[in-house]
């Protein structure tokens, strides 16, 4: 099971699933109002563009001052100052790019998607509500049912035989109805627990079924 939570705060503007619906990994479940986060992206992008324009101008000036310096018409200090300004603007642009990336990550969080294939449960938030990362119930729980895991117990006296067979290859596990008359599915043994339950003299095992 996966509890779908929001990593940011915002108002839900769209619910894109029905309760009990089968969803796939990456499917949109809900949309948070992206406008505040898009505005942040636009702001830091504009800052980056401004710094790039200033860098282009500073590089052009550096080229002119370097040529003048070679002819003795500009002091070394002027060239060094302009070189430092170019380096400063280059660093500023790197910082701007990092801010743009961070802002885009926040913008991406406005799309709440399923991380697994499964079935949705009860929706915990309606359109118009403000969702928070700290909300204990999140948006919805998605439960994977294909495949499914089954945990069962066997007497500890069966353990040596199971281990011998596992050494030869994967073991098939059969699931039957409660009255042992209908075979429901065939799976494979994934795990033998590392502890024997002393109170019952049993060992727990875990198998996976296509379901």
C-alpha atoms as a PDB file:
ATOM      1  CA  UNK A   1       0.000   0.000   0.000  1.00  0.00           C
ATOM      2  CA  UNK A   2       1.099   3.555  -0.722  1.00  0.00           C
ATOM      3  CA  UNK A   3      -0.282   6.623   1.026  1.00  0.00           C
ATOM      4  CA  UNK A   4      -0.287   9.386  -1.575  1.00  0.00           C
ATOM      5  CA  UNK A   5       0.782  12.588   0.157  1.00  0.00           C
ATOM      6  CA  UNK A   6       1.501  16.091  -1.004  1.00  0.00           C
ATOM      7  CA  UNK A   7       5.048  17.382  -0.651  1.00  0.00           C
ATOM      8  CA  UNK A   8       3.883  20.985  -0.858  1.00  0.00           C
ATOM      9  CA  UNK A   9       0.998  23.085   0.439  1.00  0.00           C
ATOM     10  CA  UNK A  10      -1.691  24.231  -1.930  1.00  0.00           C
ATOM     11  CA  UNK A  11      -5.337  24.198  -2.950  1.00  0.00           C
ATOM     12  CA  UNK A  12      -6.698  21.137  -4.745  1.00  0.00           C
ATOM     13  CA  UNK A  13      -8.118  22.265  -8.098  1.00  0.00           C
ATOM     14  CA  UNK A  14      -8.803  18.854  -9.647  1.00  0.00           C
ATOM     15  CA  UNK A  15      -9.453  15.269  -8.558  1.00  0.00           C
ATOM     16  CA  UNK A  16      -8.568  12.894 -11.391  1.00  0.00           C
ATOM     17  CA  UNK A  17      -9.680   9.527 -10.017  1.00  0.00           C
ATOM     18  CA  UNK A  18     -12.741   7.747  -8.683  1.00  0.00           C
ATOM     19  CA  UNK A  19     -12.700   5.819  -5.442  1.00  0.00           C
ATOM     20  CA  UNK A  20     -12.054   2.145  -6.130  1.00  0.00           C
ATOM     21  CA  UNK A  21     -10.537   2.898  -9.535  1.00  0.00           C
ATOM     22  CA  UNK A  22      -7.617   0.891 -10.914  1.00  0.00           C
ATOM     23  CA  UNK A  23      -4.678   3.218 -11.557  1.00  0.00           C
ATOM     24  CA  UNK A  24      -1.184   2.792 -12.941  1.00  0.00           C
ATOM     25  CA  UNK A  25       2.145   4.186 -11.812  1.00  0.00           C
ATOM     26  CA  UNK A  26       2.423   7.797 -12.982  1.00  0.00           C
ATOM     27  CA  UNK A  27      -1.340   8.366 -13.360  1.00  0.00           C
ATOM     28  CA  UNK A  28      -2.527  11.792 -12.204  1.00  0.00           C
ATOM     29  CA  UNK A  29      -4.641  11.549  -9.065  1.00  0.00           C
ATOM     30  CA  UNK A  30      -5.030  15.225  -8.146  1.00  0.00           C
ATOM     31  CA  UNK A  31      -3.820  18.659  -9.180  1.00  0.00           C
ATOM     32  CA  UNK A  32      -2.696  21.380  -6.787  1.00  0.00           C
ATOM     33  CA  UNK A  33      -3.048  24.973  -7.987  1.00  0.00           C
ATOM     34  CA  UNK A  34       0.246  25.463  -9.867  1.00  0.00           C
ATOM     35  CA  UNK A  35       0.084  29.248 -10.269  1.00  0.00           C
ATOM     36  CA  UNK A  36       2.149  30.257  -7.195  1.00  0.00           C
ATOM     37  CA  UNK A  37       4.835  27.751  -8.112  1.00  0.00           C
ATOM     38  CA  UNK A  38       4.794  28.688 -11.809  1.00  0.00           C
ATOM     39  CA  UNK A  39       5.241  32.329 -10.765  1.00  0.00           C
ATOM     40  CA  UNK A  40       8.332  31.322  -8.775  1.00  0.00           C
ATOM     41  CA  UNK A  41       9.751  29.551 -11.830  1.00  0.00           C
ATOM     42  CA  UNK A  42       9.073  32.630 -13.963  1.00  0.00           C
ATOM     43  CA  UNK A  43      10.721  34.905 -11.405  1.00  0.00           C
ATOM     44  CA  UNK A  44      13.973  32.962 -11.089  1.00  0.00           C
ATOM     45  CA  UNK A  45      14.062  32.437 -14.865  1.00  0.00           C
ATOM     46  CA  UNK A  46      13.828  36.199 -15.391  1.00  0.00           C
ATOM     47  CA  UNK A  47      16.685  36.701 -12.934  1.00  0.00           C
ATOM     48  CA  UNK A  48      18.774  34.182 -14.862  1.00  0.00           C
ATOM     49  CA  UNK A  49      18.013  35.919 -18.169  1.00  0.00           C
ATOM     50  CA  UNK A  50      19.006  39.293 -16.668  1.00  0.00           C
ATOM     51  CA  UNK A  51      22.276  37.898 -15.380  1.00  0.00           C
ATOM     52  CA  UNK A  52      22.996  36.302 -18.760  1.00  0.00           C
ATOM     53  CA  UNK A  53      22.506  39.674 -20.478  1.00  0.00           C
ATOM     54  CA  UNK A  54      24.829  41.338 -17.958  1.00  0.00           C
ATOM     55  CA  UNK A  55      27.384  38.564 -18.490  1.00  0.00           C
ATOM     56  CA  UNK A  56      27.327  39.056 -22.241  1.00  0.00           C
ATOM     57  CA  UNK A  57      27.934  42.786 -21.755  1.00  0.00           C
ATOM     58  CA  UNK A  58      30.705  42.151 -19.209  1.00  0.00           C
ATOM     59  CA  UNK A  59      32.423  39.665 -21.532  1.00  0.00           C
ATOM     60  CA  UNK A  60      32.258  42.170 -24.384  1.00  0.00           C
ATOM     61  CA  UNK A  61      33.810  44.856 -22.162  1.00  0.00           C
ATOM     62  CA  UNK A  62      36.498  42.425 -21.036  1.00  0.00           C
ATOM     63  CA  UNK A  63      37.378  41.739 -24.652  1.00  0.00           C
ATOM     64  CA  UNK A  64      37.707  45.468 -25.372  1.00  0.00           C
ATOM     65  CA  UNK A  65      39.705  46.178 -22.195  1.00  0.00           C
ATOM     66  CA  UNK A  66      42.044  43.275 -22.950  1.00  0.00           C
ATOM     67  CA  UNK A  67      42.759  44.648 -26.412  1.00  0.00           C
ATOM     68  CA  UNK A  68      43.310  48.137 -24.985  1.00  0.00           C
ATOM     69  CA  UNK A  69      45.565  46.713 -22.290  1.00  0.00           C
ATOM     70  CA  UNK A  70      47.739  44.974 -24.869  1.00  0.00           C
ATOM     71  CA  UNK A  71      48.266  48.356 -26.502  1.00  0.00           C
ATOM     72  CA  UNK A  72      48.933  50.079 -23.184  1.00  0.00           C
ATOM     73  CA  UNK A  73      45.716  52.098 -23.251  1.00  0.00           C
ATOM     74  CA  UNK A  74      44.069  50.306 -20.284  1.00  0.00           C
ATOM     75  CA  UNK A  75      45.528  49.554 -16.873  1.00  0.00           C
ATOM     76  CA  UNK A  76      45.987  45.944 -15.692  1.00  0.00           C
ATOM     77  CA  UNK A  77      43.770  46.762 -12.726  1.00  0.00           C
ATOM     78  CA  UNK A  78      40.870  47.613 -15.068  1.00  0.00           C
ATOM     79  CA  UNK A  79      41.271  44.305 -16.902  1.00  0.00           C
ATOM     80  CA  UNK A  80      41.467  42.368 -13.614  1.00  0.00           C
ATOM     81  CA  UNK A  81      38.358  44.106 -12.285  1.00  0.00           C
ATOM     82  CA  UNK A  82      36.411  43.269 -15.438  1.00  0.00           C
ATOM     83  CA  UNK A  83      37.634  39.642 -15.297  1.00  0.00           C
ATOM     84  CA  UNK A  84      36.378  39.387 -11.727  1.00  0.00           C
ATOM     85  CA  UNK A  85      33.004  40.786 -12.757  1.00  0.00           C
ATOM     86  CA  UNK A  86      32.693  38.198 -15.507  1.00  0.00           C
ATOM     87  CA  UNK A  87      33.509  35.402 -13.043  1.00  0.00           C
ATOM     88  CA  UNK A  88      31.013  36.809 -10.538  1.00  0.00           C
ATOM     89  CA  UNK A  89      28.226  36.857 -13.118  1.00  0.00           C
ATOM     90  CA  UNK A  90      29.069  33.327 -14.242  1.00  0.00           C
ATOM     91  CA  UNK A  91      28.705  32.155 -10.653  1.00  0.00           C
ATOM     92  CA  UNK A  92      25.435  34.047 -10.318  1.00  0.00           C
ATOM     93  CA  UNK A  93      24.066  32.283 -13.395  1.00  0.00           C
ATOM     94  CA  UNK A  94      24.999  28.885 -11.915  1.00  0.00           C
ATOM     95  CA  UNK A  95      23.096  29.834  -8.767  1.00  0.00           C
ATOM     96  CA  UNK A  96      20.151  30.984 -10.899  1.00  0.00           C
ATOM     97  CA  UNK A  97      20.098  27.635 -12.721  1.00  0.00           C
ATOM     98  CA  UNK A  98      20.013  25.819  -9.390  1.00  0.00           C
ATOM     99  CA  UNK A  99      17.095  27.974  -8.235  1.00  0.00           C
ATOM    100  CA  UNK A 100      15.244  27.306 -11.492  1.00  0.00           C
ATOM    101  CA  UNK A 101      15.732  23.563 -11.039  1.00  0.00           C
ATOM    102  CA  UNK A 102      14.484  23.734  -7.443  1.00  0.00           C
ATOM    103  CA  UNK A 103      11.468  25.821  -8.485  1.00  0.00           C
ATOM    104  CA  UNK A 104      10.623  23.338 -11.247  1.00  0.00           C
ATOM    105  CA  UNK A 105      10.794  20.506  -8.725  1.00  0.00           C
ATOM    106  CA  UNK A 106       8.281  22.360  -6.536  1.00  0.00           C
ATOM    107  CA  UNK A 107       6.091  22.952  -9.593  1.00  0.00           C
ATOM    108  CA  UNK A 108       6.234  19.227 -10.390  1.00  0.00           C
ATOM    109  CA  UNK A 109       4.935  18.475  -6.903  1.00  0.00           C
ATOM    110  CA  UNK A 110       1.644  20.163  -7.835  1.00  0.00           C
ATOM    111  CA  UNK A 111       0.790  16.946  -9.718  1.00  0.00           C
ATOM    112  CA  UNK A 112      -0.085  14.182  -7.270  1.00  0.00           C
ATOM    113  CA  UNK A 113       0.446  10.868  -9.043  1.00  0.00           C
ATOM    114  CA  UNK A 114       0.320   7.205  -8.138  1.00  0.00           C
ATOM    115  CA  UNK A 115       3.722   5.594  -7.609  1.00  0.00           C
ATOM    116  CA  UNK A 116       2.416   2.042  -8.131  1.00  0.00           C
ATOM    117  CA  UNK A 117      -0.185   0.083 -10.076  1.00  0.00           C
ATOM    118  CA  UNK A 118      -3.129  -0.581  -7.813  1.00  0.00           C
ATOM    119  CA  UNK A 119      -6.636   0.301  -6.670  1.00  0.00           C
ATOM    120  CA  UNK A 120      -7.538   3.570  -4.975  1.00  0.00           C
ATOM    121  CA  UNK A 121      -9.315   3.668  -1.628  1.00  0.00           C
ATOM    122  CA  UNK A 122     -11.389   6.380   0.036  1.00  0.00           C
ATOM    123  CA  UNK A 123     -10.542   9.934  -1.061  1.00  0.00           C
ATOM    124  CA  UNK A 124      -9.523  12.055   1.919  1.00  0.00           C
ATOM    125  CA  UNK A 125      -9.547  15.509   0.255  1.00  0.00           C
ATOM    126  CA  UNK A 126     -12.074  17.300  -1.948  1.00  0.00           C
ATOM    127  CA  UNK A 127     -11.603  19.949  -4.607  1.00  0.00           C
ATOM    128  CA  UNK A 128     -11.150  23.348  -2.972  1.00  0.00           C
ATOM    129  CA  UNK A 129      -9.480  22.010   0.170  1.00  0.00           C
ATOM    130  CA  UNK A 130      -5.955  23.040   1.131  1.00  0.00           C
ATOM    131  CA  UNK A 131      -3.642  20.041   1.321  1.00  0.00           C
ATOM    132  CA  UNK A 132      -0.494  20.018   3.460  1.00  0.00           C
ATOM    133  CA  UNK A 133       2.526  17.714   3.643  1.00  0.00           C
ATOM    134  CA  UNK A 134       1.697  17.121   7.328  1.00  0.00           C
ATOM    135  CA  UNK A 135      -1.859  15.886   6.694  1.00  0.00           C
ATOM    136  CA  UNK A 136      -1.957  12.455   8.376  1.00  0.00           C
ATOM    137  CA  UNK A 137      -4.437  10.947   5.911  1.00  0.00           C
ATOM    138  CA  UNK A 138      -2.870  12.325   2.749  1.00  0.00           C
ATOM    139  CA  UNK A 139      -4.931  12.201  -0.439  1.00  0.00           C
ATOM    140  CA  UNK A 140      -5.721   8.502  -0.840  1.00  0.00           C
ATOM    141  CA  UNK A 141      -4.258   5.057  -0.239  1.00  0.00           C
ATOM    142  CA  UNK A 142      -3.386   3.033  -3.347  1.00  0.00           C
ATOM    143  CA  UNK A 143      -3.253  -0.719  -2.772  1.00  0.00           C
ATOM    144  CA  UNK A 144      -1.367  -3.077  -5.047  1.00  0.00           C
ATOM    145  CA  UNK A 145      -3.301  -6.295  -5.697  1.00  0.00           C
ATOM    146  CA  UNK A 146      -1.358  -7.679  -8.653  1.00  0.00           C
ATOM    147  CA  UNK A 147       0.854  -9.330  -7.524  1.00  0.00           C
ATOM    148  CA  UNK A 148      -0.197 -10.084  -3.961  1.00  0.00           C
ATOM    149  CA  UNK A 149       1.823 -11.417  -1.031  1.00  0.00           C
ATOM    150  CA  UNK A 150       0.624 -14.153   1.279  1.00  0.00           C
ATOM    151  CA  UNK A 151       2.182 -14.875   4.665  1.00  0.00           C
ATOM    152  CA  UNK A 152       1.536 -18.317   6.103  1.00  0.00           C
ATOM    153  CA  UNK A 153       2.942 -20.673   8.726  1.00  0.00           C
ATOM    154  CA  UNK A 154       4.190 -24.255   8.681  1.00  0.00           C
ATOM    155  CA  UNK A 155       5.474 -26.539  11.444  1.00  0.00           C
ATOM    156  CA  UNK A 156       9.134 -25.986  12.252  1.00  0.00           C
ATOM    157  CA  UNK A 157       9.756 -29.674  11.510  1.00  0.00           C
ATOM    158  CA  UNK A 158       9.190 -28.865   7.801  1.00  0.00           C
ATOM    159  CA  UNK A 159      12.019 -26.321   7.765  1.00  0.00           C
ATOM    160  CA  UNK A 160      14.926 -28.663   6.850  1.00  0.00           C
ATOM    161  CA  UNK A 161      12.949 -30.132   3.933  1.00  0.00           C
ATOM    162  CA  UNK A 162      12.017 -26.639   2.694  1.00  0.00           C
ATOM    163  CA  UNK A 163      15.618 -25.446   2.881  1.00  0.00           C
ATOM    164  CA  UNK A 164      16.826 -28.493   0.950  1.00  0.00           C
ATOM    165  CA  UNK A 165      14.340 -27.863  -1.828  1.00  0.00           C
ATOM    166  CA  UNK A 166      15.071 -24.124  -1.950  1.00  0.00           C
ATOM    167  CA  UNK A 167      18.731 -24.924  -2.526  1.00  0.00           C
ATOM    168  CA  UNK A 168      17.704 -26.686  -5.752  1.00  0.00           C
ATOM    169  CA  UNK A 169      15.561 -23.796  -7.065  1.00  0.00           C
ATOM    170  CA  UNK A 170      12.410 -21.762  -6.511  1.00  0.00           C
ATOM    171  CA  UNK A 171       9.539 -23.484  -4.726  1.00  0.00           C
ATOM    172  CA  UNK A 172       5.975 -23.345  -5.996  1.00  0.00           C
ATOM    173  CA  UNK A 173       3.281 -22.416  -3.469  1.00  0.00           C
ATOM    174  CA  UNK A 174      -0.353 -23.388  -3.983  1.00  0.00           C
ATOM    175  CA  UNK A 175      -3.221 -21.371  -2.515  1.00  0.00           C
ATOM    176  CA  UNK A 176      -6.474 -23.229  -1.847  1.00  0.00           C
ATOM    177  CA  UNK A 177      -9.923 -22.183  -0.749  1.00  0.00           C
ATOM    178  CA  UNK A 178     -10.719 -22.505   2.938  1.00  0.00           C
ATOM    179  CA  UNK A 179     -12.239 -25.969   2.456  1.00  0.00           C
ATOM    180  CA  UNK A 180      -9.158 -27.127   0.481  1.00  0.00           C
ATOM    181  CA  UNK A 181     -11.260 -28.057  -2.556  1.00  0.00           C
ATOM    182  CA  UNK A 182     -10.440 -25.268  -5.039  1.00  0.00           C
ATOM    183  CA  UNK A 183      -6.954 -24.238  -6.108  1.00  0.00           C
ATOM    184  CA  UNK A 184      -7.048 -20.443  -6.247  1.00  0.00           C
ATOM    185  CA  UNK A 185      -3.609 -19.620  -7.599  1.00  0.00           C
ATOM    186  CA  UNK A 186      -0.001 -20.718  -7.928  1.00  0.00           C
ATOM    187  CA  UNK A 187       2.869 -18.563  -6.731  1.00  0.00           C
ATOM    188  CA  UNK A 188       6.472 -18.804  -5.631  1.00  0.00           C
ATOM    189  CA  UNK A 189       8.103 -18.828  -2.231  1.00  0.00           C
ATOM    190  CA  UNK A 190      10.051 -15.623  -1.596  1.00  0.00           C
ATOM    191  CA  UNK A 191      11.024 -15.791   2.053  1.00  0.00           C
ATOM    192  CA  UNK A 192      11.467 -18.089   4.994  1.00  0.00           C
ATOM    193  CA  UNK A 193      11.468 -16.106   8.222  1.00  0.00           C
ATOM    194  CA  UNK A 194      14.690 -16.046  10.239  1.00  0.00           C
ATOM    195  CA  UNK A 195      12.937 -16.840  13.511  1.00  0.00           C
ATOM    196  CA  UNK A 196      10.931 -19.825  14.744  1.00  0.00           C
ATOM    197  CA  UNK A 197       7.912 -18.881  16.844  1.00  0.00           C
ATOM    198  CA  UNK A 198       8.654 -20.760  20.058  1.00  0.00           C
ATOM    199  CA  UNK A 199       5.108 -20.434  21.387  1.00  0.00           C
ATOM    200  CA  UNK A 200       3.607 -22.289  18.426  1.00  0.00           C
ATOM    201  CA  UNK A 201       6.565 -24.224  17.047  1.00  0.00           C
ATOM    202  CA  UNK A 202       5.985 -22.767  13.586  1.00  0.00           C
ATOM    203  CA  UNK A 203       7.952 -20.862  10.990  1.00  0.00           C
ATOM    204  CA  UNK A 204       6.497 -18.033   8.873  1.00  0.00           C
ATOM    205  CA  UNK A 205       6.884 -17.992   5.111  1.00  0.00           C
ATOM    206  CA  UNK A 206       6.022 -15.416   2.467  1.00  0.00           C
ATOM    207  CA  UNK A 207       4.919 -16.182  -1.080  1.00  0.00           C
ATOM    208  CA  UNK A 208       3.976 -14.028  -4.047  1.00  0.00           C
ATOM    209  CA  UNK A 209       1.010 -14.773  -6.314  1.00  0.00           C
ATOM    210  CA  UNK A 210       0.068 -13.157  -9.630  1.00  0.00           C
ATOM    211  CA  UNK A 211      -3.505 -12.827  -8.264  1.00  0.00           C
END
